[in-house]
Amino acid sequence: MEQTSETGATTGTTNPAGLPRFVVIMLGVAATLAVLLLLHQFSGVVGPVFLAINLVIAAYPIHTWLRSKGTPGWLSATVMLLSVTVILLAAVAGLVWAVSSMVDELPSYSGEWMALYNSVIGWLAQVGIDTTGLSDIMQQISPSSLVGLLSTAFNYGTAITGVVATVVLTLIFLAMDVPSLRERLHPPSDDYPQLARSMAHFGSSVRAYWVATTVFGAVVATLDGVALAIMGVPLPIVWAVLAFLTNYIPNIGFFIGLIPPVLLALLGSGWQLAVLVVVVYMALNIIIQTVIQPRIVGVTVGVRPTVSFISLLLWGMVLGPLGTLIALPMTLLLKALFVDADPKASWVHAIISMEADKRPKAG
């Protein structure tokens, strides 16, 4: 009996291969780090290819709708490809236009910035506050510093062109596979039904994410532009375009799109208008993207805010700037492969997903 008990205890701390649980965990951590390092090494390919896959998933209803109308498979796939490519190129052109407009406009406010800088530093010195650290911060966010940062971004134009080219080429080859995709997915679905369901849910979640982000981002950006025009902030259309594009970056995109119009409002009209811009931006963001959007989209893309923020940091480090754009879809893919497809990992789903909050409580 004692031997059986000892064996049971040993079995509780080992896996079927006989390795201690601690060793298994450490091997899993090492394997995860190795995969992340490999992804980082090939981020120039992995990021654009995964973005192209996301775009095809989001646009796939175009193909299915055209097929339901009797359109040949090759033609419906071509229409889908052209639609996605036009949207992608329009987004890139909008980003280039917004950045170039900022580069042209910001230097004209150098005098106002220096006046503001001197008044703030002088007032703080009068009340006995050390301004050394503040001086460094204000120098870093001055118009000249922002122009230098934006000009540096333009130096990476070749890299941006390479990313866009990789995405477009991947879209072309994916479009070739789309007509026969449904038939080729039948055998794996029969052999691995749980995985097939989780991947189907991944597809619908990614589609809901991109569509909702685009639609609600466009609504918020339009309202931002109208509000800025009414308030008299320069370049309202530029800031609206910037707000729309930065909306695709979870968590921090809102602040990236907020800083330039607030800075110009501060320099051009004073702190009162700058505060008003912040209040309007935050009110629109809270009402539309925090209250209305979740009610319409539901819990389809229901990962918790903490998970979303951590995924932004992780995939930004692994895949670079493009990783911040596809951070949530990458996390949804891992969730589909390793959590949703494994019944034993349901406890992980309860921790990272907001769907558990929508389930009726027992009793």
Protein backbone atom coordinates (compact mmCIF):
# COMPACT_ATOMS: atom_id res chain seq x y z
CA MET A 1 0.00 0.00 0.00
CA GLU A 2 2.82 2.39 0.89
CA GLN A 3 4.49 1.64 -2.43
CA THR A 4 1.25 2.40 -4.27
CA SER A 5 0.89 5.66 -2.36
CA GLU A 6 4.44 6.69 -3.13
CA THR A 7 3.93 5.81 -6.80
CA GLY A 8 0.74 7.87 -6.91
CA ALA A 9 2.52 10.81 -5.34
CA THR A 10 5.32 10.49 -7.83
CA THR A 11 2.86 10.25 -10.70
CA GLY A 12 1.18 13.45 -9.52
CA THR A 13 4.39 15.40 -9.99
CA THR A 14 5.48 13.90 -13.31
CA ASN A 15 4.18 13.76 -16.85
CA PRO A 16 3.69 10.54 -18.88
CA ALA A 17 7.33 10.74 -20.01
CA GLY A 18 8.46 10.54 -16.41
CA LEU A 19 9.89 14.08 -16.20
CA PRO A 20 9.26 16.18 -13.09
CA ARG A 21 6.68 18.92 -13.53
CA PHE A 22 9.28 21.63 -12.85
CA VAL A 23 11.43 20.34 -15.69
CA VAL A 24 8.45 20.26 -18.04
CA ILE A 25 7.58 23.88 -17.14
CA MET A 26 11.15 25.06 -17.66
CA LEU A 27 11.35 23.26 -21.00
CA GLY A 28 8.09 24.95 -22.03
CA VAL A 29 9.45 28.37 -21.04
CA ALA A 30 12.68 27.74 -22.93
CA ALA A 31 10.79 26.59 -26.02
CA THR A 32 8.55 29.69 -25.86
CA LEU A 33 11.54 32.01 -25.62
CA ALA A 34 13.21 30.22 -28.52
CA VAL A 35 10.09 30.64 -30.68
CA LEU A 36 9.81 34.34 -29.79
CA LEU A 37 13.49 34.83 -30.62
CA LEU A 38 12.98 33.06 -33.94
CA LEU A 39 9.96 35.23 -34.72
CA HIS A 40 11.97 38.34 -33.88
CA GLN A 41 14.77 37.19 -36.16
CA PHE A 42 12.34 36.82 -39.08
CA SER A 43 10.00 39.66 -38.09
CA GLY A 44 10.42 41.28 -41.50
CA VAL A 45 8.59 38.31 -43.02
CA VAL A 46 6.35 37.07 -40.21
CA GLY A 47 4.72 40.44 -39.52
CA PRO A 48 3.73 41.32 -43.12
CA VAL A 49 2.60 37.76 -43.89
CA PHE A 50 0.39 37.60 -40.80
CA LEU A 51 -1.03 41.04 -41.60
CA ALA A 52 -1.89 39.81 -45.10
CA ILE A 53 -3.62 36.76 -43.62
CA ASN A 54 -5.64 39.06 -41.36
CA LEU A 55 -6.69 41.21 -44.30
CA VAL A 56 -7.82 38.16 -46.26
CA ILE A 57 -9.83 36.90 -43.28
CA ALA A 58 -11.46 40.31 -42.87
CA ALA A 59 -12.31 40.55 -46.59
CA TYR A 60 -13.35 36.91 -47.06
CA PRO A 61 -17.11 37.76 -46.88
CA ILE A 62 -16.65 39.66 -50.14
CA HIS A 63 -15.58 36.42 -51.81
CA THR A 64 -18.40 34.35 -50.29
CA TRP A 65 -21.03 36.97 -51.21
CA LEU A 66 -19.86 37.13 -54.81
CA ARG A 67 -19.79 33.34 -55.01
CA SER A 68 -23.38 33.21 -53.73
CA LYS A 69 -24.33 35.46 -56.66
CA GLY A 70 -22.81 33.01 -59.15
CA THR A 71 -19.50 34.82 -59.70
CA PRO A 72 -16.62 32.52 -60.73
CA GLY A 73 -14.20 31.73 -57.92
CA TRP A 74 -11.21 33.32 -59.60
CA LEU A 75 -13.12 36.56 -60.24
CA SER A 76 -14.49 36.85 -56.70
CA ALA A 77 -11.00 36.23 -55.29
CA THR A 78 -9.60 38.90 -57.60
CA VAL A 79 -12.21 41.44 -56.50
CA MET A 80 -11.41 40.64 -52.87
CA LEU A 81 -7.68 41.07 -53.54
CA LEU A 82 -8.15 44.40 -55.30
CA SER A 83 -10.41 45.70 -52.53
CA VAL A 84 -7.92 44.85 -49.80
CA THR A 85 -4.98 46.24 -51.78
CA VAL A 86 -6.73 49.55 -52.44
CA ILE A 87 -7.61 49.94 -48.75
CA LEU A 88 -4.04 49.09 -47.71
CA LEU A 89 -2.46 51.57 -50.15
CA ALA A 90 -4.97 54.26 -49.15
CA ALA A 91 -4.03 53.79 -45.48
CA VAL A 92 -0.31 54.08 -46.29
CA ALA A 93 -0.92 57.17 -48.44
CA GLY A 94 -2.98 58.74 -45.64
CA LEU A 95 -0.20 58.10 -43.12
CA VAL A 96 2.43 59.64 -45.41
CA TRP A 97 0.22 62.67 -46.04
CA ALA A 98 -0.48 63.21 -42.33
CA VAL A 99 3.20 62.94 -41.38
CA SER A 100 4.33 65.28 -44.17
CA SER A 101 1.66 67.82 -43.13
CA MET A 102 2.95 67.74 -39.57
CA VAL A 103 6.53 68.20 -40.75
CA ASP A 104 5.47 71.29 -42.71
CA GLU A 105 3.29 72.81 -39.97
CA LEU A 106 5.13 72.26 -36.67
CA PRO A 107 8.23 74.42 -37.34
CA SER A 108 6.03 77.52 -37.65
CA TYR A 109 5.23 77.24 -33.94
CA SER A 110 8.82 77.32 -32.70
CA GLY A 111 8.48 80.90 -31.46
CA GLU A 112 5.30 80.13 -29.49
CA TRP A 113 6.95 77.06 -28.00
CA MET A 114 9.95 79.03 -26.76
CA ALA A 115 7.65 81.66 -25.23
CA LEU A 116 5.68 78.93 -23.44
CA TYR A 117 8.88 77.20 -22.39
CA ASN A 118 10.37 80.38 -20.90
CA SER A 119 7.17 81.31 -19.07
CA VAL A 120 6.80 77.85 -17.50
CA ILE A 121 10.46 77.64 -16.49
CA GLY A 122 10.34 81.18 -15.07
CA TRP A 123 7.20 80.51 -13.04
CA LEU A 124 8.60 77.27 -11.60
CA ALA A 125 11.85 79.00 -10.68
CA GLN A 126 9.89 81.67 -8.80
CA VAL A 127 8.16 79.08 -6.64
CA GLY A 128 11.47 77.35 -5.92
CA ILE A 129 11.06 74.18 -8.03
CA ASP A 130 14.12 72.64 -9.68
CA THR A 131 13.47 72.75 -13.44
CA THR A 132 16.40 70.66 -14.65
CA GLY A 133 14.39 67.53 -15.35
CA LEU A 134 11.44 69.47 -16.72
CA SER A 135 13.71 71.33 -19.13
CA ASP A 136 14.90 68.05 -20.61
CA ILE A 137 11.32 66.79 -21.00
CA MET A 138 10.08 69.98 -22.68
CA GLN A 139 13.03 69.96 -25.05
CA GLN A 140 12.16 66.40 -26.06
CA ILE A 141 8.56 67.29 -26.96
CA SER A 142 9.32 70.61 -28.65
CA PRO A 143 8.16 71.13 -32.26
CA SER A 144 11.73 70.84 -33.54
CA SER A 145 12.18 67.51 -31.74
CA LEU A 146 8.91 66.18 -33.15
CA VAL A 147 9.90 67.30 -36.64
CA GLY A 148 13.24 65.53 -36.23
CA LEU A 149 11.46 62.38 -35.10
CA LEU A 150 9.04 62.51 -38.04
CA SER A 151 11.88 63.19 -40.47
CA THR A 152 13.70 60.17 -39.11
CA ALA A 153 10.58 58.11 -39.76
CA PHE A 154 10.72 59.17 -43.39
CA ASN A 155 14.23 57.73 -43.59
CA TYR A 156 12.64 54.31 -43.15
CA GLY A 157 10.58 54.77 -46.29
CA THR A 158 12.41 51.90 -47.98
CA ALA A 159 11.54 49.57 -45.11
CA ILE A 160 7.89 50.65 -45.23
CA THR A 161 7.84 50.05 -48.97
CA GLY A 162 9.29 46.59 -48.41
CA VAL A 163 6.62 45.77 -45.83
CA VAL A 164 3.83 46.92 -48.15
CA ALA A 165 5.33 44.96 -51.05
CA THR A 166 5.55 41.81 -48.93
CA VAL A 167 1.94 42.22 -47.81
CA VAL A 168 0.69 42.75 -51.37
CA LEU A 169 2.64 39.76 -52.73
CA THR A 170 1.32 37.57 -49.93
CA LEU A 171 -2.20 38.78 -50.68
CA ILE A 172 -1.79 37.74 -54.31
CA PHE A 173 -0.76 34.19 -53.43
CA LEU A 174 -3.43 33.90 -50.74
CA ALA A 175 -6.06 35.05 -53.25
CA MET A 176 -4.99 32.18 -55.51
CA ASP A 177 -5.78 29.71 -52.72
CA VAL A 178 -9.09 31.25 -51.65
CA PRO A 179 -11.39 29.60 -54.28
CA SER A 180 -10.49 26.07 -53.12
CA LEU A 181 -10.03 26.91 -49.44
CA ARG A 182 -13.35 25.57 -48.18
CA GLU A 183 -12.90 22.17 -49.88
CA ARG A 184 -9.36 21.77 -48.54
CA LEU A 185 -10.47 22.47 -44.98
CA HIS A 186 -13.01 19.64 -44.83
CA PRO A 187 -10.62 16.71 -44.03
CA PRO A 188 -8.84 18.51 -41.15
CA SER A 189 -12.20 19.61 -39.76
CA ASP A 190 -13.39 16.00 -39.62
CA ASP A 191 -10.19 14.74 -37.98
CA TYR A 192 -9.74 17.61 -35.48
CA PRO A 193 -13.19 19.06 -34.77
CA GLN A 194 -12.17 20.96 -31.63
CA LEU A 195 -9.28 22.65 -33.43
CA ALA A 196 -11.53 23.39 -36.40
CA ARG A 197 -14.07 25.10 -34.14
CA SER A 198 -11.41 27.15 -32.38
CA MET A 199 -9.88 28.29 -35.67
CA ALA A 200 -13.34 29.16 -37.02
CA HIS A 201 -13.88 31.25 -33.91
CA PHE A 202 -10.48 32.85 -34.47
CA GLY A 203 -11.51 33.82 -37.99
CA SER A 204 -14.77 35.38 -36.84
CA SER A 205 -13.03 37.15 -33.96
CA VAL A 206 -10.34 38.63 -36.20
CA ARG A 207 -12.95 39.69 -38.74
CA ALA A 208 -15.04 41.35 -36.03
CA TYR A 209 -11.94 43.06 -34.64
CA TRP A 210 -10.84 44.60 -37.95
CA VAL A 211 -14.32 45.57 -39.07
CA ALA A 212 -15.25 47.10 -35.71
CA THR A 213 -11.93 48.93 -35.42
CA THR A 214 -12.34 50.35 -38.91
CA VAL A 215 -15.99 51.39 -38.60
CA PHE A 216 -15.84 52.86 -35.12
CA GLY A 217 -12.40 54.36 -35.77
CA ALA A 218 -13.83 56.16 -38.81
CA VAL A 219 -16.77 57.45 -36.76
CA VAL A 220 -14.53 58.72 -33.96
CA ALA A 221 -12.04 60.27 -36.40
CA THR A 222 -14.83 62.08 -38.26
CA LEU A 223 -16.26 63.49 -35.05
CA ASP A 224 -12.75 64.46 -33.90
CA GLY A 225 -12.16 66.33 -37.15
CA VAL A 226 -15.50 68.16 -36.96
CA ALA A 227 -14.89 69.12 -33.32
CA LEU A 228 -11.38 70.37 -34.07
CA ALA A 229 -12.66 72.44 -36.99
CA ILE A 230 -15.34 74.00 -34.78
CA MET A 231 -12.75 74.78 -32.08
CA GLY A 232 -10.43 76.35 -34.64
CA VAL A 233 -7.51 73.94 -34.26
CA PRO A 234 -5.25 74.01 -37.36
CA LEU A 235 -5.23 71.03 -39.76
CA PRO A 236 -8.38 69.29 -38.47
CA ILE A 237 -8.50 66.89 -41.44
CA VAL A 238 -4.89 65.83 -40.82
CA TRP A 239 -5.61 65.08 -37.17
CA ALA A 240 -8.77 63.19 -38.12
CA VAL A 241 -6.77 60.97 -40.49
CA LEU A 242 -4.11 60.48 -37.83
CA ALA A 243 -6.75 59.56 -35.24
CA PHE A 244 -8.24 57.00 -37.62
CA LEU A 245 -4.90 55.35 -38.40
CA THR A 246 -3.60 55.30 -34.82
CA ASN A 247 -6.92 53.78 -33.77
CA TYR A 248 -5.57 50.44 -35.05
CA ILE A 249 -2.90 50.46 -32.31
CA PRO A 250 -4.54 49.12 -29.13
CA ASN A 251 -4.38 51.10 -25.89
CA ILE A 252 -1.71 53.67 -26.85
CA GLY A 253 -2.93 54.63 -30.33
CA PHE A 254 -5.44 57.08 -28.83
CA PHE A 255 -2.68 59.04 -27.10
CA ILE A 256 -0.48 59.07 -30.21
CA GLY A 257 -3.31 60.64 -32.20
CA LEU A 258 -4.11 63.08 -29.38
CA ILE A 259 -0.69 64.69 -28.82
CA PRO A 260 -0.27 66.70 -32.10
CA PRO A 261 -3.64 68.53 -32.04
CA VAL A 262 -3.28 69.25 -28.32
CA LEU A 263 0.21 70.66 -28.91
CA LEU A 264 -0.97 72.92 -31.72
CA ALA A 265 -4.00 74.06 -29.71
CA LEU A 266 -1.70 74.87 -26.77
CA LEU A 267 0.77 76.83 -28.88
CA GLY A 268 -1.81 78.56 -31.04
CA SER A 269 -4.55 79.46 -28.55
CA GLY A 270 -3.42 78.65 -25.02
CA TRP A 271 -3.97 75.99 -22.41
CA GLN A 272 -7.76 76.41 -22.30
CA LEU A 273 -8.21 75.18 -25.88
CA ALA A 274 -5.68 72.39 -25.30
CA VAL A 275 -7.68 71.14 -22.30
CA LEU A 276 -10.87 71.36 -24.33
CA VAL A 277 -9.32 69.21 -27.09
CA VAL A 278 -8.32 66.59 -24.50
CA VAL A 279 -11.82 66.57 -22.99
CA VAL A 280 -13.53 66.22 -26.40
CA TYR A 281 -11.19 63.44 -27.53
CA MET A 282 -11.64 61.51 -24.28
CA ALA A 283 -15.42 61.96 -24.28
CA LEU A 284 -15.77 60.67 -27.84
CA ASN A 285 -13.41 57.77 -27.16
CA ILE A 286 -15.22 56.74 -23.97
CA ILE A 287 -18.73 57.06 -25.40
CA ILE A 288 -18.12 55.37 -28.76
CA GLN A 289 -15.25 52.93 -28.25
CA THR A 290 -15.77 52.05 -24.59
CA VAL A 291 -19.57 52.07 -24.28
CA ILE A 292 -21.16 51.66 -27.74
CA GLN A 293 -18.59 49.49 -29.55
CA PRO A 294 -18.46 46.64 -26.98
CA ARG A 295 -22.27 46.45 -26.94
CA ILE A 296 -22.44 46.03 -30.72
CA VAL A 297 -19.40 43.78 -31.19
CA GLY A 298 -20.21 41.85 -28.03
CA VAL A 299 -17.65 39.45 -26.59
CA THR A 300 -16.41 38.11 -29.93
CA VAL A 301 -13.01 39.74 -29.36
CA GLY A 302 -13.34 39.57 -25.61
CA VAL A 303 -9.81 39.46 -24.25
CA ARG A 304 -9.29 41.44 -21.09
CA PRO A 305 -7.69 44.92 -21.25
CA THR A 306 -4.65 43.70 -19.32
CA VAL A 307 -4.09 40.90 -21.81
CA SER A 308 -4.50 43.36 -24.69
CA PHE A 309 -1.91 45.72 -23.21
CA ILE A 310 0.59 42.94 -22.47
CA SER A 311 0.17 41.57 -25.99
CA LEU A 312 0.89 45.06 -27.35
CA LEU A 313 4.18 45.20 -25.43
CA LEU A 314 5.14 41.63 -26.27
CA TRP A 315 4.47 41.69 -30.01
CA GLY A 316 5.87 45.19 -30.31
CA MET A 317 9.19 43.88 -28.96
CA VAL A 318 9.09 40.69 -31.03
CA LEU A 319 7.84 42.00 -34.39
CA GLY A 320 8.70 45.70 -34.18
CA PRO A 321 6.31 48.57 -35.02
CA LEU A 322 4.14 46.29 -37.16
CA GLY A 323 3.71 44.05 -34.12
CA THR A 324 1.72 46.78 -32.35
CA LEU A 325 -0.75 46.72 -35.25
CA ILE A 326 -1.29 42.96 -35.22
CA ALA A 327 -0.78 42.40 -31.48
CA LEU A 328 -4.36 41.45 -30.67
CA PRO A 329 -4.82 39.14 -33.70
CA MET A 330 -1.56 37.38 -32.80
CA THR A 331 -2.84 36.86 -29.27
CA LEU A 332 -6.18 35.60 -30.60
CA LEU A 333 -4.30 33.09 -32.77
CA LEU A 334 -2.35 31.73 -29.81
CA LYS A 335 -5.57 31.58 -27.81
CA ALA A 336 -7.24 29.58 -30.59
CA LEU A 337 -4.35 27.12 -30.93
CA PHE A 338 -3.43 26.51 -27.31
CA VAL A 339 -6.47 27.46 -25.23
CA ASP A 340 -9.69 27.11 -27.20
CA ALA A 341 -8.52 23.90 -28.92
CA ASP A 342 -7.60 22.21 -25.62
CA PRO A 343 -10.45 21.37 -23.22
CA LYS A 344 -7.92 21.07 -20.38
CA ALA A 345 -6.99 24.76 -20.82
CA SER A 346 -10.48 26.07 -20.10
CA TRP A 347 -9.20 27.63 -16.88
CA VAL A 348 -6.83 29.81 -18.92
CA HIS A 349 -9.77 30.92 -21.07
CA ALA A 350 -11.64 31.98 -17.92
CA ILE A 351 -8.69 34.15 -16.87
CA ILE A 352 -7.83 35.93 -20.12
CA SER A 353 -11.26 36.18 -21.76
CA MET A 354 -14.16 38.52 -21.00
CA GLU A 355 -16.65 35.89 -22.16
CA ALA A 356 -16.70 34.46 -18.66
CA ASP A 357 -18.15 37.75 -17.40
CA LYS A 358 -21.13 37.34 -19.75
CA ARG A 359 -22.03 33.82 -18.62
CA PRO A 360 -24.90 33.44 -16.19
CA LYS A 361 -23.77 32.76 -12.66
CA ALA A 362 -24.80 29.54 -11.00
CA GLY A 363 -27.44 29.77 -8.35
